[in-house]
PDB file of all heavy atoms in Angstrom:
ATOM      1  N   ARG A   1      77.977  89.292-102.563  1.00  0.00           N
ATOM      2  CA  ARG A   1      78.941  89.779-101.538  1.00  0.00           C
ATOM      3  C   ARG A   1      80.339  89.776-102.140  1.00  0.00           C
ATOM      4  O   ARG A   1      81.303  89.365-101.512  1.00  0.00           O
ATOM      5  CB  ARG A   1      78.939  88.859-100.329  1.00  0.00           C
ATOM      6  CG  ARG A   1      77.589  88.827 -99.625  1.00  0.00           C
ATOM      7  CD  ARG A   1      77.736  88.123 -98.247  1.00  0.00           C
ATOM      8  NE  ARG A   1      78.260  86.811 -98.324  1.00  0.00           N
ATOM      9  CZ  ARG A   1      77.550  85.715 -98.548  1.00  0.00           C
ATOM     10  NH1 ARG A   1      76.287  85.787 -98.778  1.00  0.00           N
ATOM     11  NH2 ARG A   1      78.152  84.517 -98.632  1.00  0.00           N
ATOM     12  N   SER A   2      80.454  90.254-103.384  1.00  0.00           N
ATOM     13  CA  SER A   2      81.760  90.408-104.030  1.00  0.00           C
ATOM     14  C   SER A   2      82.443  89.098-104.350  1.00  0.00           C
ATOM     15  O   SER A   2      83.636  89.090-104.617  1.00  0.00           O
ATOM     16  CB  SER A   2      82.727  91.339-103.238  1.00  0.00           C
ATOM     17  OG  SER A   2      82.156  92.614-103.095  1.00  0.00           O
ATOM     18  N   ARG A   3      81.703  87.969-104.190  1.00  0.00           N
ATOM     19  CA  ARG A   3      82.367  86.704-104.456  1.00  0.00           C
ATOM     20  C   ARG A   3      82.353  86.347-105.947  1.00  0.00           C
ATOM     21  O   ARG A   3      83.168  85.485-106.372  1.00  0.00           O
ATOM     22  CB  ARG A   3      81.540  85.598-103.743  1.00  0.00           C
ATOM     23  CG  ARG A   3      81.492  85.758-102.247  1.00  0.00           C
ATOM     24  CD  ARG A   3      80.666  84.664-101.580  1.00  0.00           C
ATOM     25  NE  ARG A   3      79.278  84.764-102.019  1.00  0.00           N
ATOM     26  CZ  ARG A   3      78.615  83.754-102.497  1.00  0.00           C
ATOM     27  NH1 ARG A   3      79.110  82.547-102.559  1.00  0.00           N
ATOM     28  NH2 ARG A   3      77.298  83.873-102.905  1.00  0.00           N
ATOM     29  N   PHE A   4      81.509  86.968-106.734  1.00  0.00           N
ATOM     30  CA  PHE A   4      81.388  86.675-108.171  1.00  0.00           C
ATOM     31  C   PHE A   4      81.870  87.864-108.958  1.00  0.00           C
ATOM     32  O   PHE A   4      81.637  89.029-108.617  1.00  0.00           O
ATOM     33  CB  PHE A   4      79.931  86.353-108.526  1.00  0.00           C
ATOM     34  CG  PHE A   4      79.300  85.154-107.784  1.00  0.00           C
ATOM     35  CD1 PHE A   4      77.942  84.960-107.951  1.00  0.00           C
ATOM     36  CD2 PHE A   4      80.029  84.335-107.027  1.00  0.00           C
ATOM     37  CE1 PHE A   4      77.310  83.937-107.300  1.00  0.00           C
ATOM     38  CE2 PHE A   4      79.432  83.263-106.410  1.00  0.00           C
ATOM     39  CZ  PHE A   4      78.073  83.064-106.535  1.00  0.00           C
ATOM     40  N   THR A   5      82.448  87.540-110.155  1.00  0.00           N
ATOM     41  CA  THR A   5      82.904  88.615-111.047  1.00  0.00           C
ATOM     42  C   THR A   5      82.341  88.363-112.449  1.00  0.00           C
ATOM     43  O   THR A   5      82.598  87.277-113.018  1.00  0.00           O
ATOM     44  CB  THR A   5      84.422  88.627-111.096  1.00  0.00           C
ATOM     45  OG1 THR A   5      84.991  88.869-109.794  1.00  0.00           O
ATOM     46  CG2 THR A   5      84.873  89.748-112.081  1.00  0.00           C
ATOM     47  N   ILE A   6      81.640  89.280-112.959  1.00  0.00           N
ATOM     48  CA  ILE A   6      81.047  89.163-114.307  1.00  0.00           C
ATOM     49  C   ILE A   6      81.907  89.946-115.291  1.00  0.00           C
ATOM     50  O   ILE A   6      82.385  91.028-114.980  1.00  0.00           O
ATOM     51  CB  ILE A   6      79.618  89.645-114.353  1.00  0.00           C
ATOM     52  CG1 ILE A   6      78.928  89.305-115.706  1.00  0.00           C
ATOM     53  CG2 ILE A   6      79.462  91.130-114.048  1.00  0.00           C
ATOM     54  CD1 ILE A   6      77.424  89.523-115.701  1.00  0.00           C
ATOM     55  N   THR A   7      82.166  89.349-116.402  1.00  0.00           N
ATOM     56  CA  THR A   7      82.858  90.061-117.541  1.00  0.00           C
ATOM     57  C   THR A   7      82.202  89.721-118.808  1.00  0.00           C
ATOM     58  O   THR A   7      81.502  88.704-118.946  1.00  0.00           O
ATOM     59  CB  THR A   7      84.359  89.687-117.618  1.00  0.00           C
ATOM     60  OG1 THR A   7      84.443  88.244-117.696  1.00  0.00           O
ATOM     61  CG2 THR A   7      85.130  90.142-116.354  1.00  0.00           C
ATOM     62  N   ARG A   8      82.454  90.545-119.824  1.00  0.00           N
ATOM     63  CA  ARG A   8      81.887  90.242-121.150  1.00  0.00           C
ATOM     64  C   ARG A   8      82.966  90.515-122.210  1.00  0.00           C
ATOM     65  O   ARG A   8      83.815  91.432-122.029  1.00  0.00           O
ATOM     66  CB  ARG A   8      80.627  91.054-121.458  1.00  0.00           C
ATOM     67  CG  ARG A   8      80.775  92.548-121.563  1.00  0.00           C
ATOM     68  CD  ARG A   8      79.443  93.252-121.643  1.00  0.00           C
ATOM     69  NE  ARG A   8      78.800  93.091-122.950  1.00  0.00           N
ATOM     70  CZ  ARG A   8      77.514  93.521-123.222  1.00  0.00           C
ATOM     71  NH1 ARG A   8      76.797  94.076-122.240  1.00  0.00           N
ATOM     72  NH2 ARG A   8      77.029  93.400-124.423  1.00  0.00           N
ATOM     73  N   ASP A   9      82.940  89.733-123.278  1.00  0.00           N
ATOM     74  CA  ASP A   9      83.853  89.948-124.376  1.00  0.00           C
ATOM     75  C   ASP A   9      82.977  89.998-125.646  1.00  0.00           C
ATOM     76  O   ASP A   9      82.565  88.891-126.159  1.00  0.00           O
ATOM     77  CB  ASP A   9      84.834  88.757-124.431  1.00  0.00           C
ATOM     78  CG  ASP A   9      85.892  88.901-125.483  1.00  0.00           C
ATOM     79  OD1 ASP A   9      85.614  89.554-126.544  1.00  0.00           O
ATOM     80  OD2 ASP A   9      86.986  88.349-125.388  1.00  0.00           O
ATOM     81  N   ASN A  10      82.692  91.143-126.098  1.00  0.00           N
ATOM     82  CA  ASN A  10      81.765  91.282-127.270  1.00  0.00           C
ATOM     83  C   ASN A  10      82.365  90.703-128.536  1.00  0.00           C
ATOM     84  O   ASN A  10      81.633  90.258-129.395  1.00  0.00           O
ATOM     85  CB  ASN A  10      81.448  92.795-127.468  1.00  0.00           C
ATOM     86  CG  ASN A  10      80.431  93.282-126.424  1.00  0.00           C
ATOM     87  OD1 ASN A  10      80.185  92.638-125.416  1.00  0.00           O
ATOM     88  ND2 ASN A  10      79.825  94.414-126.694  1.00  0.00           N
ATOM     89  N   VAL A  11      83.655  90.738-128.637  1.00  0.00           N
ATOM     90  CA  VAL A  11      84.304  90.160-129.839  1.00  0.00           C
ATOM     91  C   VAL A  11      84.013  88.675-129.927  1.00  0.00           C
ATOM     92  O   VAL A  11      83.697  88.137-130.955  1.00  0.00           O
ATOM     93  CB  VAL A  11      85.831  90.438-129.850  1.00  0.00           C
ATOM     94  CG1 VAL A  11      86.528  89.735-131.021  1.00  0.00           C
ATOM     95  CG2 VAL A  11      86.062  91.954-129.956  1.00  0.00           C
ATOM     96  N   LYS A  12      84.203  88.003-128.770  1.00  0.00           N
ATOM     97  CA  LYS A  12      83.969  86.540-128.736  1.00  0.00           C
ATOM     98  C   LYS A  12      82.455  86.215-128.481  1.00  0.00           C
ATOM     99  O   LYS A  12      82.111  85.043-128.517  1.00  0.00           O
ATOM    100  CB  LYS A  12      84.759  85.886-127.614  1.00  0.00           C
ATOM    101  CG  LYS A  12      86.232  86.000-127.845  1.00  0.00           C
ATOM    102  CD  LYS A  12      87.024  85.292-126.712  1.00  0.00           C
ATOM    103  CE  LYS A  12      88.519  85.315-126.994  1.00  0.00           C
ATOM    104  NZ  LYS A  12      89.312  84.693-125.855  1.00  0.00           N
ATOM    105  N   ARG A  13      81.662  87.276-128.259  1.00  0.00           N
ATOM    106  CA  ARG A  13      80.207  87.072-127.973  1.00  0.00           C
ATOM    107  C   ARG A  13      80.010  86.234-126.718  1.00  0.00           C
ATOM    108  O   ARG A  13      79.132  85.397-126.639  1.00  0.00           O
ATOM    109  CB  ARG A  13      79.507  86.431-129.155  1.00  0.00           C
ATOM    110  CG  ARG A  13      79.713  87.117-130.480  1.00  0.00           C
ATOM    111  CD  ARG A  13      78.742  86.588-131.560  1.00  0.00           C
ATOM    112  NE  ARG A  13      78.642  85.149-131.528  1.00  0.00           N
ATOM    113  CZ  ARG A  13      79.345  84.320-132.253  1.00  0.00           C
ATOM    114  NH1 ARG A  13      80.258  84.768-133.055  1.00  0.00           N
ATOM    115  NH2 ARG A  13      79.106  83.006-132.231  1.00  0.00           N
ATOM    116  N   LYS A  14      80.831  86.473-125.755  1.00  0.00           N
ATOM    117  CA  LYS A  14      80.744  85.682-124.489  1.00  0.00           C
ATOM    118  C   LYS A  14      80.623  86.551-123.249  1.00  0.00           C
ATOM    119  O   LYS A  14      81.103  87.650-123.217  1.00  0.00           O
ATOM    120  CB  LYS A  14      81.969  84.806-124.346  1.00  0.00           C
ATOM    121  CG  LYS A  14      82.055  83.627-125.352  1.00  0.00           C
ATOM    122  CD  LYS A  14      83.290  82.785-125.082  1.00  0.00           C
ATOM    123  CE  LYS A  14      83.324  81.589-126.017  1.00  0.00           C
ATOM    124  NZ  LYS A  14      84.492  80.717-125.743  1.00  0.00           N
ATOM    125  N   VAL A  15      79.972  85.923-122.287  1.00  0.00           N
ATOM    126  CA  VAL A  15      79.857  86.551-120.974  1.00  0.00           C
ATOM    127  C   VAL A  15      80.278  85.522-119.938  1.00  0.00           C
ATOM    128  O   VAL A  15      79.898  84.389-120.025  1.00  0.00           O
ATOM    129  CB  VAL A  15      78.431  87.068-120.663  1.00  0.00           C
ATOM    130  CG1 VAL A  15      78.319  87.750-119.357  1.00  0.00           C
ATOM    131  CG2 VAL A  15      77.931  87.984-121.794  1.00  0.00           C
ATOM    132  N   TYR A  16      81.047  85.968-118.966  1.00  0.00           N
ATOM    133  CA  TYR A  16      81.565  85.040-117.971  1.00  0.00           C
ATOM    134  C   TYR A  16      81.114  85.386-116.591  1.00  0.00           C
ATOM    135  O   TYR A  16      80.811  86.541-116.277  1.00  0.00           O
ATOM    136  CB  TYR A  16      83.131  85.091-117.988  1.00  0.00           C
ATOM    137  CG  TYR A  16      83.727  84.852-119.357  1.00  0.00           C
ATOM    138  CD1 TYR A  16      84.071  85.943-120.161  1.00  0.00           C
ATOM    139  CD2 TYR A  16      83.957  83.564-119.851  1.00  0.00           C
ATOM    140  CE1 TYR A  16      84.675  85.737-121.437  1.00  0.00           C
ATOM    141  CE2 TYR A  16      84.535  83.381-121.095  1.00  0.00           C
ATOM    142  CZ  TYR A  16      84.913  84.497-121.905  1.00  0.00           C
ATOM    143  OH  TYR A  16      85.480  84.255-123.123  1.00  0.00           O
ATOM    144  N   LEU A  17      81.083  84.389-115.738  1.00  0.00           N
ATOM    145  CA  LEU A  17      80.801  84.555-114.327  1.00  0.00           C
ATOM    146  C   LEU A  17      81.852  83.752-113.530  1.00  0.00           C
ATOM    147  O   LEU A  17      81.767  82.499-113.511  1.00  0.00           O
ATOM    148  CB  LEU A  17      79.399  84.148-113.929  1.00  0.00           C
ATOM    149  CG  LEU A  17      78.987  84.562-112.499  1.00  0.00           C
ATOM    150  CD1 LEU A  17      78.909  86.079-112.356  1.00  0.00           C
ATOM    151  CD2 LEU A  17      77.665  83.909-112.107  1.00  0.00           C
ATOM    152  N   ARG A  18      82.818  84.449-112.975  1.00  0.00           N
ATOM    153  CA  ARG A  18      83.800  83.769-112.144  1.00  0.00           C
ATOM    154  C   ARG A  18      83.292  83.769-110.712  1.00  0.00           C
ATOM    155  O   ARG A  18      82.977  84.803-110.187  1.00  0.00           O
ATOM    156  CB  ARG A  18      85.124  84.462-112.186  1.00  0.00           C
ATOM    157  CG  ARG A  18      86.162  84.024-111.209  1.00  0.00           C
ATOM    158  CD  ARG A  18      86.656  82.625-111.513  1.00  0.00           C
ATOM    159  NE  ARG A  18      87.607  82.557-112.562  1.00  0.00           N
ATOM    160  CZ  ARG A  18      88.210  81.487-112.992  1.00  0.00           C
ATOM    161  NH1 ARG A  18      87.946  80.305-112.375  1.00  0.00           N
ATOM    162  NH2 ARG A  18      89.043  81.472-114.013  1.00  0.00           N
ATOM    163  N   MET A  19      83.115  82.590-110.172  1.00  0.00           N
ATOM    164  CA  MET A  19      82.507  82.494-108.798  1.00  0.00           C
ATOM    165  C   MET A  19      83.595  81.941-107.842  1.00  0.00           C
ATOM    166  O   MET A  19      84.208  80.922-108.144  1.00  0.00           O
ATOM    167  CB  MET A  19      81.339  81.531-108.877  1.00  0.00           C
ATOM    168  CG  MET A  19      80.271  81.956-109.831  1.00  0.00           C
ATOM    169  SD  MET A  19      78.707  81.056-109.702  1.00  0.00           S
ATOM    170  CE  MET A  19      79.220  79.433-110.229  1.00  0.00           C
ATOM    171  N   TYR A  20      83.727  82.655-106.718  1.00  0.00           N
ATOM    172  CA  TYR A  20      84.692  82.218-105.672  1.00  0.00           C
ATOM    173  C   TYR A  20      83.900  82.024-104.381  1.00  0.00           C
ATOM    174  O   TYR A  20      82.774  82.461-104.213  1.00  0.00           O
ATOM    175  CB  TYR A  20      85.718  83.356-105.411  1.00  0.00           C
ATOM    176  CG  TYR A  20      86.536  83.722-106.599  1.00  0.00           C
ATOM    177  CD1 TYR A  20      86.265  84.773-107.458  1.00  0.00           C
ATOM    178  CD2 TYR A  20      87.776  83.018-106.873  1.00  0.00           C
ATOM    179  CE1 TYR A  20      87.025  85.114-108.537  1.00  0.00           C
ATOM    180  CE2 TYR A  20      88.557  83.323-107.925  1.00  0.00           C
ATOM    181  CZ  TYR A  20      88.204  84.397-108.777  1.00  0.00           C
ATOM    182  OH  TYR A  20      88.990  84.735-109.848  1.00  0.00           O
ATOM    183  N   ARG A  21      84.530  81.348-103.454  1.00  0.00           N
ATOM    184  CA  ARG A  21      83.980  81.147-102.079  1.00  0.00           C
ATOM    185  C   ARG A  21      82.557  80.698-102.177  1.00  0.00           C
ATOM    186  O   ARG A  21      81.624  81.194-101.541  1.00  0.00           O
ATOM    187  CB  ARG A  21      84.096  82.417-101.268  1.00  0.00           C
ATOM    188  CG  ARG A  21      85.516  82.962-101.162  1.00  0.00           C
ATOM    189  CD  ARG A  21      85.724  83.929-100.032  1.00  0.00           C
ATOM    190  NE  ARG A  21      84.740  85.034-100.015  1.00  0.00           N
ATOM    191  CZ  ARG A  21      84.886  86.149-100.745  1.00  0.00           C
ATOM    192  NH1 ARG A  21      85.886  86.314-101.528  1.00  0.00           N
ATOM    193  NH2 ARG A  21      83.949  87.128-100.587  1.00  0.00           N
ATOM    194  N   LEU A  22      82.361  79.638-102.987  1.00  0.00           N
ATOM    195  CA  LEU A  22      81.044  79.146-103.216  1.00  0.00           C
ATOM    196  C   LEU A  22      80.439  78.563-101.894  1.00  0.00           C
ATOM    197  O   LEU A  22      81.106  78.050-101.013  1.00  0.00           O
ATOM    198  CB  LEU A  22      81.016  78.078-104.296  1.00  0.00           C
ATOM    199  CG  LEU A  22      81.167  78.609-105.704  1.00  0.00           C
ATOM    200  CD1 LEU A  22      81.600  77.531-106.655  1.00  0.00           C
ATOM    201  CD2 LEU A  22      79.847  79.247-106.149  1.00  0.00           C
ATOM    202  N   ASP A  23      79.121  78.688-101.836  1.00  0.00           N
ATOM    203  CA  ASP A  23      78.332  78.220-100.667  1.00  0.00           C
ATOM    204  C   ASP A  23      77.236  77.286-101.200  1.00  0.00           C
ATOM    205  O   ASP A  23      76.782  77.431-102.282  1.00  0.00           O
ATOM    206  CB  ASP A  23      77.692  79.501-100.031  1.00  0.00           C
ATOM    207  CG  ASP A  23      76.933  79.158 -98.764  1.00  0.00           C
ATOM    208  OD1 ASP A  23      75.758  78.785 -98.872  1.00  0.00           O
ATOM    209  OD2 ASP A  23      77.553  79.268 -97.681  1.00  0.00           O
ATOM    210  N   PRO A  24      76.860  76.319-100.362  1.00  0.00           N
ATOM    211  CA  PRO A  24      75.737  75.466-100.810  1.00  0.00           C
ATOM    212  C   PRO A  24      74.517  76.242-101.254  1.00  0.00           C
ATOM    213  O   PRO A  24      73.772  75.732-102.116  1.00  0.00           O
ATOM    214  CB  PRO A  24      75.475  74.622 -99.541  1.00  0.00           C
ATOM    215  CG  PRO A  24      76.799  74.512 -98.877  1.00  0.00           C
ATOM    216  CD  PRO A  24      77.472  75.870 -99.112  1.00  0.00           C
ATOM    217  N   GLU A  25      74.281  77.409-100.691  1.00  0.00           N
ATOM    218  CA  GLU A  25      73.144  78.264-101.192  1.00  0.00           C
ATOM    219  C   GLU A  25      73.288  78.723-102.613  1.00  0.00           C
ATOM    220  O   GLU A  25      72.304  79.173-103.226  1.00  0.00           O
ATOM    221  CB  GLU A  25      73.026  79.492-100.275  1.00  0.00           C
ATOM    222  CG  GLU A  25      72.670  79.216 -98.828  1.00  0.00           C
ATOM    223  CD  GLU A  25      71.235  78.718 -98.721  1.00  0.00           C
ATOM    224  OE1 GLU A  25      70.350  79.363 -99.310  1.00  0.00           O
ATOM    225  OE2 GLU A  25      70.965  77.725 -98.011  1.00  0.00           O
ATOM    226  N   ASP A  26      74.457  78.552-103.175  1.00  0.00           N
ATOM    227  CA  ASP A  26      74.666  78.914-104.596  1.00  0.00           C
ATOM    228  C   ASP A  26      74.256  77.800-105.527  1.00  0.00           C
ATOM    229  O   ASP A  26      74.362  77.988-106.783  1.00  0.00           O
ATOM    230  CB  ASP A  26      76.156  79.316-104.817  1.00  0.00           C
ATOM    231  CG  ASP A  26      76.583  80.506-104.010  1.00  0.00           C
ATOM    232  OD1 ASP A  26      75.811  81.504-103.973  1.00  0.00           O
ATOM    233  OD2 ASP A  26      77.694  80.457-103.434  1.00  0.00           O
ATOM    234  N   THR A  27      73.880  76.687-104.991  1.00  0.00           N
ATOM    235  CA  THR A  27      73.460  75.550-105.844  1.00  0.00           C
ATOM    236  C   THR A  27      72.187  75.981-106.617  1.00  0.00           C
ATOM    237  O   THR A  27      71.220  76.403-106.066  1.00  0.00           O
ATOM    238  CB  THR A  27      73.128  74.334-105.009  1.00  0.00           C
ATOM    239  OG1 THR A  27      74.313  73.881-104.392  1.00  0.00           O
ATOM    240  CG2 THR A  27      72.507  73.227-105.863  1.00  0.00           C
ATOM    241  N   ALA A  28      72.293  75.884-107.933  1.00  0.00           N
ATOM    242  CA  ALA A  28      71.216  76.345-108.857  1.00  0.00           C
ATOM    243  C   ALA A  28      71.594  76.050-110.265  1.00  0.00           C
ATOM    244  O   ALA A  28      72.780  75.703-110.592  1.00  0.00           O
ATOM    245  CB  ALA A  28      71.015  77.853-108.636  1.00  0.00           C
ATOM    246  N   VAL A  29      70.641  76.277-111.167  1.00  0.00           N
ATOM    247  CA  VAL A  29      70.988  76.313-112.616  1.00  0.00           C
ATOM    248  C   VAL A  29      71.172  77.770-112.987  1.00  0.00           C
ATOM    249  O   VAL A  29      70.325  78.619-112.650  1.00  0.00           O
ATOM    250  CB  VAL A  29      69.854  75.701-113.414  1.00  0.00           C
ATOM    251  CG1 VAL A  29      70.178  75.718-114.915  1.00  0.00           C
ATOM    252  CG2 VAL A  29      69.626  74.209-112.973  1.00  0.00           C
ATOM    253  N   TYR A  30      72.236  78.047-113.659  1.00  0.00           N
ATOM    254  CA  TYR A  30      72.654  79.428-114.021  1.00  0.00           C
ATOM    255  C   TYR A  30      72.383  79.691-115.475  1.00  0.00           C
ATOM    256  O   TYR A  30      72.726  78.829-116.376  1.00  0.00           O
ATOM    257  CB  TYR A  30      74.091  79.652-113.665  1.00  0.00           C
ATOM    258  CG  TYR A  30      74.303  79.780-112.187  1.00  0.00           C
ATOM    259  CD1 TYR A  30      74.209  78.699-111.303  1.00  0.00           C
ATOM    260  CD2 TYR A  30      74.625  81.024-111.614  1.00  0.00           C
ATOM    261  CE1 TYR A  30      74.422  78.845-109.935  1.00  0.00           C
ATOM    262  CE2 TYR A  30      74.794  81.199-110.256  1.00  0.00           C
ATOM    263  CZ  TYR A  30      74.689  80.062-109.457  1.00  0.00           C
ATOM    264  OH  TYR A  30      74.888  80.199-108.088  1.00  0.00           O
ATOM    265  N   TYR A  31      71.858  80.838-115.797  1.00  0.00           N
ATOM    266  CA  TYR A  31      71.479  81.236-117.130  1.00  0.00           C
ATOM    267  C   TYR A  31      71.949  82.617-117.484  1.00  0.00           C
ATOM    268  O   TYR A  31      72.191  83.448-116.621  1.00  0.00           O
ATOM    269  CB  TYR A  31      69.935  81.282-117.298  1.00  0.00           C
ATOM    270  CG  TYR A  31      69.196  80.050-116.912  1.00  0.00           C
ATOM    271  CD1 TYR A  31      68.817  79.818-115.555  1.00  0.00           C
ATOM    272  CD2 TYR A  31      68.787  79.151-117.876  1.00  0.00           C
ATOM    273  CE1 TYR A  31      68.061  78.718-115.224  1.00  0.00           C
ATOM    274  CE2 TYR A  31      68.066  77.990-117.520  1.00  0.00           C
ATOM    275  CZ  TYR A  31      67.712  77.823-116.226  1.00  0.00           C
ATOM    276  OH  TYR A  31      66.989  76.690-115.852  1.00  0.00           O
TER     277      TYR A  31
END
C-alpha cells in the first residue's frame, strides 16, 4: 500500500527497503 520503497545501488551492490507506517502484520523475517 505504498508504505515501502525499494531502491538498488548496483555500484555498492546493495538493495534497500525503506518501510514506513509499519503494522504488526509486517512482523516477519525479510530476505
